[in-house]
Amino acid sequence: MDLNFTSEELAFRERIRAWVGENLPRDISQKVMAAQHLTRDDMQRWAKILGKQGWLGWGWPKQFGGPGWTAVQKHLFEEECARAGAPRVVPFGPIMVAPVIMAFGSPEQQKRFLPGIASGEVWWSQGYSEPGSGSDLASLKTRAERVRTSSGDKYIVNGQKTWTTLGQYGEWIFCLVRTSTEGKPQTGISFLLIDMKSPGVKVRPIVLMDGGAEVNEVFFDNVEVPAENLVGEENKGWTYAKYLLAHERTNIADVNRAKRELERLKRIARAEGVYDDLRFRDQIALLEVDIVALEMLVLRVLSAEQSANKGRADLDIAGLLKIKGSEIQQRYTELTMLACGPYALPFVKEAMEAGWQGDHVGAAHCATATAGYLNYRKTTIYGGSNEVQRNIVAQTVLG
């Protein structure tokens, strides 16, 4: 296994770097580099720029309108976007539901939904977690009852989803719903695509510790969903959910953002005069070693992606990537807090917004440190808590 990039791959990286440098709006990259909040317009604007180039679905095969890049090319694209300060692409459409529709959706569903995802025009949300059904996702209770009407078969959906990231912007949501109570809990789950403008859908923001409303509760009160919005077979949704979660957990690792935030941490440490503290620099070095190790693990996965031994191993390794990646994200926000010292102590919600000119003791980069630290407490929980992931790894990898 050779983890070095070929000359062709290095040339590809340079082309991506040049394109991103020319097309990434400067006001957006400045927000990202300053760890400030991005608006819906910021995220959608970058998505549409990528969509116009045909790169919002950068991981898609050519048959579905993607560039057909190799696994390594996809990694290099992500790396260059992160390095330049591009927003992290909202994953629910192009990275999560699109592969499910490609693999399990009907030709009609593929024709109907994939173009809007590829262009960045349609904002998708994820409806998985429920109150009491997070890591134990199979215990979900949101119910979908199939009924026959004069206008065709429909599902009547009732229930609640929670922790729906950026659901306040959602136009469509893919949901796991219970269509049967017979047998094991996993066998009675189906995968539905729901228009969030449907009567009976209500979204209520949840204000987090960092002052933002990044996540939401979504309520379904007798929501009518056409039966043709069922992906695959009824009661087979758990299979599709596991397929999607492998993509989510790999995405959560986000090694390229970790590399960018490591450099930001170093800049802050130098500016605050703590980079010369050998003990503090040891902690930065330990973090950097772990980031390099995570990147090597990602590259190993990419190297093996063309192997015939795919399937179950993909999900196993996704759990490992999620565990390590999420812990690294928490560590760099903790070290940023330490680098800022007492200047990071005040929680200044307004400092997360571009153009804030309020009073704050210390440099501007200190004003956002607390909010970042508080927000990243979630990373080891969402996408399947790390405790659950360790159990999965122990069972499937260690035996």
Protein backbone atom coordinates (compact mmCIF):
# COMPACT_ATOMS: atom_id res chain seq x y z
CA MET A 1 0.00 0.00 0.00
CA ASP A 2 1.48 3.33 -1.14
CA LEU A 3 0.15 6.39 0.71
CA ASN A 4 2.11 8.87 -1.43
CA PHE A 5 0.21 10.87 -4.03
CA THR A 6 1.02 10.31 -7.70
CA SER A 7 2.12 13.13 -10.00
CA GLU A 8 -1.36 13.06 -11.58
CA GLU A 9 -2.99 13.42 -8.16
CA LEU A 10 -0.71 16.29 -7.24
CA ALA A 11 -1.58 18.03 -10.52
CA PHE A 12 -5.26 17.48 -9.74
CA ARG A 13 -4.74 19.11 -6.34
CA GLU A 14 -3.20 22.18 -7.95
CA ARG A 15 -6.16 22.52 -10.33
CA ILE A 16 -8.62 22.32 -7.45
CA ARG A 17 -6.59 24.79 -5.39
CA ALA A 18 -6.60 27.31 -8.23
CA TRP A 19 -10.33 26.93 -8.87
CA VAL A 20 -11.28 27.27 -5.21
CA GLY A 21 -9.03 30.30 -4.87
CA GLU A 22 -10.83 31.98 -7.77
CA ASN A 23 -14.41 31.04 -6.89
CA LEU A 24 -14.70 30.95 -3.09
CA PRO A 25 -16.29 34.26 -1.95
CA ARG A 26 -13.85 36.11 0.28
CA ASP A 27 -16.48 37.23 2.79
CA ILE A 28 -17.46 33.62 3.39
CA SER A 29 -13.90 32.36 3.83
CA GLN A 30 -13.18 35.19 6.27
CA LYS A 31 -16.10 34.07 8.44
CA VAL A 32 -14.92 30.46 8.36
CA MET A 33 -11.36 31.38 9.27
CA ALA A 34 -12.62 33.54 12.16
CA ALA A 35 -14.93 30.75 13.42
CA GLN A 36 -17.98 32.97 13.01
CA HIS A 37 -21.56 31.88 12.33
CA LEU A 38 -22.52 31.29 8.72
CA THR A 39 -25.95 32.33 7.49
CA ARG A 40 -28.19 30.20 5.32
CA ASP A 41 -27.24 32.45 2.41
CA ASP A 42 -23.53 31.87 3.03
CA MET A 43 -23.90 28.09 2.97
CA GLN A 44 -26.34 28.07 0.06
CA ARG A 45 -24.24 30.47 -1.99
CA TRP A 46 -21.20 28.22 -1.81
CA ALA A 47 -23.32 25.14 -2.49
CA LYS A 48 -24.72 26.71 -5.65
CA ILE A 49 -21.24 27.72 -6.84
CA LEU A 50 -20.15 24.10 -6.45
CA GLY A 51 -23.38 22.93 -8.05
CA LYS A 52 -22.88 25.10 -11.11
CA GLN A 53 -19.43 23.56 -11.55
CA GLY A 54 -20.89 20.07 -11.08
CA TRP A 55 -18.93 19.52 -7.86
CA LEU A 56 -21.53 19.72 -5.10
CA GLY A 57 -21.94 15.99 -5.65
CA TRP A 58 -18.18 15.54 -5.80
CA GLY A 59 -18.48 11.97 -4.54
CA TRP A 60 -21.10 10.97 -7.10
CA PRO A 61 -20.48 8.65 -10.04
CA LYS A 62 -20.79 10.07 -13.55
CA GLN A 63 -24.03 8.19 -14.24
CA PHE A 64 -25.78 10.41 -11.70
CA GLY A 65 -24.16 13.66 -12.80
CA GLY A 66 -21.08 13.60 -10.59
CA PRO A 67 -17.46 14.09 -11.70
CA GLY A 68 -16.63 10.40 -11.23
CA TRP A 69 -13.52 11.18 -9.22
CA THR A 70 -11.43 8.52 -7.55
CA ALA A 71 -11.46 8.20 -3.76
CA VAL A 72 -8.13 10.04 -3.55
CA GLN A 73 -9.33 12.86 -5.79
CA LYS A 74 -12.40 13.31 -3.58
CA HIS A 75 -10.12 13.52 -0.54
CA LEU A 76 -7.89 16.12 -2.20
CA PHE A 77 -10.92 18.19 -3.19
CA GLU A 78 -12.17 18.20 0.40
CA GLU A 79 -8.70 19.06 1.67
CA GLU A 80 -8.28 22.06 -0.63
CA CYS A 81 -11.76 23.40 0.18
CA ALA A 82 -11.05 23.19 3.91
CA ARG A 83 -7.58 24.74 3.55
CA ALA A 84 -9.03 27.74 1.69
CA GLY A 85 -11.71 28.36 4.32
CA ALA A 86 -14.70 27.05 2.38
CA PRO A 87 -17.80 26.26 4.43
CA ARG A 88 -18.30 22.61 5.22
CA VAL A 89 -20.92 21.45 2.72
CA VAL A 90 -24.20 20.72 4.48
CA PRO A 91 -24.08 16.94 4.12
CA PHE A 92 -27.70 15.87 4.36
CA GLY A 93 -28.43 16.18 0.64
CA PRO A 94 -25.29 15.42 -1.37
CA ILE A 95 -23.46 13.16 1.10
CA MET A 96 -26.25 11.34 2.96
CA VAL A 97 -29.60 11.00 1.22
CA ALA A 98 -28.29 11.16 -2.36
CA PRO A 99 -26.24 7.93 -2.07
CA VAL A 100 -29.31 6.20 -0.56
CA ILE A 101 -31.50 7.35 -3.45
CA MET A 102 -28.83 6.23 -5.92
CA ALA A 103 -28.49 2.80 -4.33
CA PHE A 104 -32.07 2.03 -3.30
CA GLY A 105 -34.37 4.62 -4.88
CA SER A 106 -36.49 4.07 -7.95
CA PRO A 107 -35.49 5.59 -11.32
CA GLU A 108 -38.37 8.05 -10.87
CA GLN A 109 -37.03 9.14 -7.46
CA GLN A 110 -33.54 9.53 -8.86
CA LYS A 111 -34.82 11.69 -11.70
CA ARG A 112 -37.00 13.74 -9.35
CA PHE A 113 -34.68 14.41 -6.42
CA LEU A 114 -31.04 14.17 -7.50
CA PRO A 115 -30.90 17.25 -9.80
CA GLY A 116 -32.09 19.59 -7.03
CA ILE A 117 -29.50 18.15 -4.65
CA ALA A 118 -26.69 18.39 -7.21
CA SER A 119 -27.43 22.04 -8.00
CA GLY A 120 -27.68 23.13 -4.37
CA GLU A 121 -31.18 24.47 -4.96
CA VAL A 122 -32.97 22.18 -2.48
CA TRP A 123 -32.05 22.09 1.22
CA TRP A 124 -32.40 18.68 2.87
CA SER A 125 -32.61 17.81 6.55
CA GLN A 126 -32.21 14.54 8.44
CA GLY A 127 -34.98 13.05 10.58
CA TYR A 128 -33.41 10.26 12.62
CA SER A 129 -33.10 11.02 16.36
CA GLU A 130 -36.16 11.30 18.58
CA PRO A 131 -36.65 12.06 22.28
CA GLY A 132 -35.49 8.82 23.85
CA SER A 133 -34.22 7.39 20.55
CA GLY A 134 -30.76 8.71 19.82
CA SER A 135 -27.97 6.15 19.98
CA ASP A 136 -30.69 3.48 20.33
CA LEU A 137 -32.17 4.55 17.02
CA ALA A 138 -34.10 1.32 16.50
CA SER A 139 -36.44 2.32 19.33
CA LEU A 140 -37.88 5.22 17.31
CA LYS A 141 -41.64 5.78 17.60
CA THR A 142 -42.59 8.20 14.80
CA ARG A 143 -45.39 6.29 13.08
CA ALA A 144 -46.31 6.13 9.38
CA GLU A 145 -49.59 4.42 8.55
CA ARG A 146 -50.31 3.55 4.94
CA VAL A 147 -53.81 4.42 3.77
CA ARG A 148 -55.61 4.28 0.44
CA THR A 149 -57.35 7.45 -0.71
CA SER A 150 -59.09 8.57 -3.87
CA SER A 151 -55.92 10.39 -4.89
CA GLY A 152 -53.67 7.37 -4.31
CA ASP A 153 -51.86 5.58 -1.52
CA LYS A 154 -50.41 7.78 1.22
CA TYR A 155 -48.61 7.54 4.54
CA ILE A 156 -50.02 9.44 7.49
CA VAL A 157 -47.06 10.42 9.66
CA ASN A 158 -47.28 11.31 13.35
CA GLY A 159 -44.42 11.81 15.78
CA GLN A 160 -41.42 13.93 16.61
CA LYS A 161 -37.78 14.19 15.58
CA THR A 162 -35.15 16.12 17.52
CA TRP A 163 -31.61 17.48 17.12
CA THR A 164 -32.43 18.12 13.46
CA THR A 165 -29.40 20.12 12.36
CA LEU A 166 -30.31 23.29 10.43
CA GLY A 167 -33.86 21.99 10.14
CA GLN A 168 -35.14 25.57 10.24
CA TYR A 169 -33.85 25.90 6.68
CA GLY A 170 -35.06 22.51 5.46
CA GLU A 171 -37.27 22.15 2.40
CA TRP A 172 -37.24 18.33 2.38
CA ILE A 173 -36.42 15.85 5.13
CA PHE A 174 -35.56 12.16 4.94
CA CYS A 175 -37.04 10.31 7.89
CA LEU A 176 -36.94 6.93 9.52
CA VAL A 177 -40.50 6.01 10.48
CA ARG A 178 -42.10 2.98 12.05
CA THR A 179 -44.42 1.11 9.71
CA SER A 180 -44.64 -2.13 11.70
CA THR A 181 -44.40 -3.23 15.33
CA GLU A 182 -43.97 -6.93 14.55
CA GLY A 183 -40.66 -8.71 15.09
CA LYS A 184 -37.42 -6.99 16.03
CA PRO A 185 -37.54 -3.17 16.23
CA GLN A 186 -35.17 -2.86 13.27
CA THR A 187 -37.49 -4.82 10.97
CA GLY A 188 -40.41 -2.40 11.19
CA ILE A 189 -38.67 0.79 10.03
CA SER A 190 -39.11 2.50 6.65
CA PHE A 191 -37.30 5.36 4.89
CA LEU A 192 -39.55 8.25 3.78
CA LEU A 193 -38.88 11.49 1.90
CA ILE A 194 -41.11 14.26 3.27
CA ASP A 195 -41.81 17.74 1.94
CA MET A 196 -41.33 20.05 4.94
CA LYS A 197 -43.88 22.47 3.51
CA SER A 198 -46.58 19.84 4.00
CA PRO A 199 -49.45 20.74 6.36
CA GLY A 200 -48.79 19.37 9.83
CA VAL A 201 -45.00 19.82 9.81
CA LYS A 202 -43.78 22.19 12.53
CA VAL A 203 -40.16 23.13 13.26
CA ARG A 204 -39.12 24.52 16.66
CA PRO A 205 -35.51 25.67 17.20
CA ILE A 206 -33.48 24.50 20.20
CA VAL A 207 -31.14 27.19 21.55
CA LEU A 208 -27.76 25.67 22.41
CA MET A 209 -25.14 26.64 24.98
CA ASP A 210 -23.28 28.69 22.37
CA GLY A 211 -26.38 30.85 21.87
CA GLY A 212 -27.17 29.55 18.39
CA ALA A 213 -30.19 27.58 17.19
CA GLU A 214 -28.32 25.08 15.08
CA VAL A 215 -30.61 22.17 15.93
CA ASN A 216 -34.37 21.81 16.01
CA GLU A 217 -37.36 19.75 16.98
CA VAL A 218 -39.59 18.69 14.09
CA PHE A 219 -43.19 17.66 14.76
CA PHE A 220 -45.42 15.66 12.41
CA ASP A 221 -49.17 15.94 13.00
CA ASN A 222 -51.15 13.81 10.50
CA VAL A 223 -48.72 14.70 7.72
CA GLU A 224 -49.74 13.17 4.38
CA VAL A 225 -46.84 11.72 2.37
CA PRO A 226 -47.39 10.16 -1.07
CA ALA A 227 -46.52 6.46 -1.09
CA GLU A 228 -44.14 7.04 -3.99
CA ASN A 229 -41.88 8.90 -1.52
CA LEU A 230 -41.01 5.59 0.15
CA VAL A 231 -37.41 4.67 -0.67
CA GLY A 232 -36.92 1.00 -1.42
CA GLU A 233 -39.16 -1.49 0.33
CA GLU A 234 -41.42 -0.95 3.30
CA ASN A 235 -39.89 -2.15 6.61
CA LYS A 236 -36.40 -2.29 5.06
CA GLY A 237 -35.40 1.22 6.15
CA TRP A 238 -32.91 -0.01 8.74
CA THR A 239 -30.74 -1.41 5.96
CA TYR A 240 -30.77 1.95 4.19
CA ALA A 241 -30.12 3.78 7.47
CA LYS A 242 -26.97 1.75 8.14
CA TYR A 243 -25.77 2.49 4.63
CA LEU A 244 -26.30 6.21 5.24
CA LEU A 245 -24.70 6.19 8.70
CA ALA A 246 -21.46 4.85 7.24
CA HIS A 247 -21.33 8.03 5.13
CA GLU A 248 -22.26 10.25 8.10
CA ARG A 249 -19.65 8.83 10.48
CA THR A 250 -16.88 9.09 7.91
CA ASN A 251 -17.96 12.68 7.23
CA ILE A 252 -17.95 13.50 10.97
CA ALA A 253 -14.24 12.58 11.16
CA ASP A 254 -13.56 15.63 8.94
CA VAL A 255 -9.76 15.37 9.05
CA ASN A 256 -9.36 18.27 6.63
CA ARG A 257 -11.15 20.72 8.91
CA ALA A 258 -9.02 19.43 11.80
CA LYS A 259 -5.87 20.29 9.82
CA ARG A 260 -7.16 23.80 9.16
CA GLU A 261 -8.15 24.33 12.79
CA LEU A 262 -4.74 23.07 13.94
CA GLU A 263 -3.10 25.89 11.98
CA ARG A 264 -5.56 28.37 13.49
CA LEU A 265 -4.68 27.09 16.96
CA LYS A 266 -0.98 27.64 16.24
CA ARG A 267 -1.63 31.21 15.05
CA ILE A 268 -3.62 32.01 18.20
CA ALA A 269 -0.99 30.41 20.46
CA ARG A 270 1.72 32.55 18.86
CA ALA A 271 -0.40 35.70 19.07
CA GLU A 272 -1.13 35.08 22.75
CA GLY A 273 2.49 34.32 23.57
CA VAL A 274 1.95 30.73 24.77
CA TYR A 275 3.54 28.94 21.83
CA ASP A 276 6.94 29.18 23.53
CA ASP A 277 5.59 27.36 26.57
CA LEU A 278 7.06 23.89 26.05
CA ARG A 279 4.29 22.12 27.94
CA PHE A 280 1.62 23.83 25.88
CA ARG A 281 3.50 23.15 22.67
CA ASP A 282 3.70 19.48 23.68
CA GLN A 283 -0.09 19.40 23.71
CA ILE A 284 -0.22 20.94 20.24
CA ALA A 285 2.32 18.38 19.04
CA LEU A 286 0.29 15.50 20.48
CA LEU A 287 -2.80 16.84 18.73
CA GLU A 288 -0.90 17.16 15.46
CA VAL A 289 0.37 13.57 15.73
CA ASP A 290 -3.19 12.34 16.21
CA ILE A 291 -4.42 14.37 13.24
CA VAL A 292 -1.67 12.90 11.04
CA ALA A 293 -2.59 9.41 12.30
CA LEU A 294 -6.25 10.07 11.50
CA GLU A 295 -5.30 11.24 8.02
CA MET A 296 -3.25 8.09 7.48
CA LEU A 297 -6.25 6.02 8.54
CA VAL A 298 -8.44 7.92 6.07
CA LEU A 299 -5.86 7.36 3.32
CA ARG A 300 -5.74 3.67 4.15
CA VAL A 301 -9.50 3.53 3.73
CA LEU A 302 -9.21 5.35 0.40
CA SER A 303 -6.46 3.00 -0.74
CA ALA A 304 -8.61 -0.02 0.09
CA GLU A 305 -11.82 1.42 -1.33
CA GLN A 306 -11.28 -0.32 -4.68
CA SER A 307 -10.73 -3.63 -2.89
CA ALA A 308 -13.22 -6.46 -3.34
CA ASN A 309 -13.52 -6.79 0.46
CA LYS A 310 -16.09 -4.05 0.88
CA GLY A 311 -19.40 -3.85 2.71
CA ARG A 312 -19.27 -4.72 6.37
CA ALA A 313 -15.70 -3.44 6.83
CA ASP A 314 -16.73 -0.01 5.57
CA LEU A 315 -19.16 0.45 8.46
CA ASP A 316 -16.62 -0.87 10.97
CA ILE A 317 -13.95 1.59 9.92
CA ALA A 318 -16.51 4.40 9.82
CA GLY A 319 -17.04 3.91 13.55
CA LEU A 320 -13.30 4.18 14.20
CA LEU A 321 -13.07 7.37 12.14
CA LYS A 322 -16.03 8.87 13.98
CA ILE A 323 -14.55 8.13 17.42
CA LYS A 324 -11.13 9.59 16.72
CA GLY A 325 -12.28 12.48 14.56
CA SER A 326 -14.86 13.74 17.07
CA GLU A 327 -12.40 13.54 19.97
CA ILE A 328 -9.83 15.51 17.97
CA GLN A 329 -12.42 18.21 17.28
CA GLN A 330 -13.06 18.60 20.99
CA ARG A 331 -9.35 18.76 21.76
CA TYR A 332 -8.57 21.59 19.36
CA THR A 333 -11.41 23.71 20.74
CA GLU A 334 -10.16 23.01 24.29
CA LEU A 335 -6.61 24.01 23.38
CA THR A 336 -7.88 27.17 21.68
CA MET A 337 -9.60 28.09 24.95
CA LEU A 338 -6.37 27.47 26.86
CA ALA A 339 -4.35 29.49 24.36
CA CYS A 340 -6.64 32.49 24.85
CA GLY A 341 -6.50 32.09 28.61
CA PRO A 342 -8.73 34.40 30.68
CA TYR A 343 -9.66 36.37 27.54
CA ALA A 344 -11.73 33.37 26.44
CA LEU A 345 -13.69 33.25 29.67
CA PRO A 346 -16.48 35.70 28.79
CA PHE A 347 -19.17 34.14 26.59
CA VAL A 348 -19.93 36.79 23.98
CA LYS A 349 -22.69 35.47 21.74
CA GLU A 350 -22.57 38.52 19.47
CA ALA A 351 -18.90 37.90 18.68
CA MET A 352 -19.93 34.95 16.49
CA GLU A 353 -21.51 37.36 14.00
CA ALA A 354 -19.49 39.08 11.29
CA GLY A 355 -19.03 42.81 11.83
CA TRP A 356 -19.41 42.67 15.59
CA GLN A 357 -17.57 45.63 17.07
CA GLY A 358 -18.42 45.33 20.75
CA ASP A 359 -15.99 45.69 23.62
CA HIS A 360 -13.92 42.64 24.46
CA VAL A 361 -10.67 42.44 26.38
CA GLY A 362 -8.06 40.69 24.26
CA ALA A 363 -7.77 40.00 20.55
CA ALA A 364 -10.85 39.28 18.40
CA HIS A 365 -9.91 35.62 18.03
CA CYS A 366 -10.45 35.18 21.77
CA ALA A 367 -14.05 36.35 21.61
CA THR A 368 -15.28 33.26 19.74
CA ALA A 369 -13.31 30.64 21.67
CA THR A 370 -15.92 29.87 24.31
CA ALA A 371 -18.76 29.48 21.82
CA GLY A 372 -16.67 27.06 19.76
CA TYR A 373 -15.76 25.05 22.82
CA LEU A 374 -19.38 24.77 23.98
CA ASN A 375 -20.67 23.85 20.53
CA TYR A 376 -18.19 21.01 20.05
CA ARG A 377 -19.26 19.19 23.21
CA LYS A 378 -21.80 17.50 20.91
CA THR A 379 -19.37 15.81 18.53
CA THR A 380 -18.85 12.65 20.59
CA ILE A 381 -22.63 12.21 20.90
CA TYR A 382 -24.25 12.80 17.51
CA GLY A 383 -24.00 10.28 14.70
CA GLY A 384 -24.06 7.52 17.31
CA SER A 385 -22.33 8.23 20.62
CA ASN A 386 -18.70 7.19 20.93
CA GLU A 387 -19.58 4.73 23.68
CA VAL A 388 -21.92 2.93 21.27
CA GLN A 389 -19.31 3.11 18.50
CA ARG A 390 -16.75 1.43 20.76
CA ASN A 391 -19.20 -1.39 21.40
CA ILE A 392 -19.73 -1.81 17.66
CA VAL A 393 -15.98 -1.85 17.00
CA ALA A 394 -15.44 -4.35 19.83
CA GLN A 395 -18.08 -6.70 18.40
CA THR A 396 -17.28 -6.43 14.71
CA VAL A 397 -13.53 -5.84 14.64
CA LEU A 398 -12.19 -7.45 17.82
CA GLY A 399 -14.74 -10.28 17.84
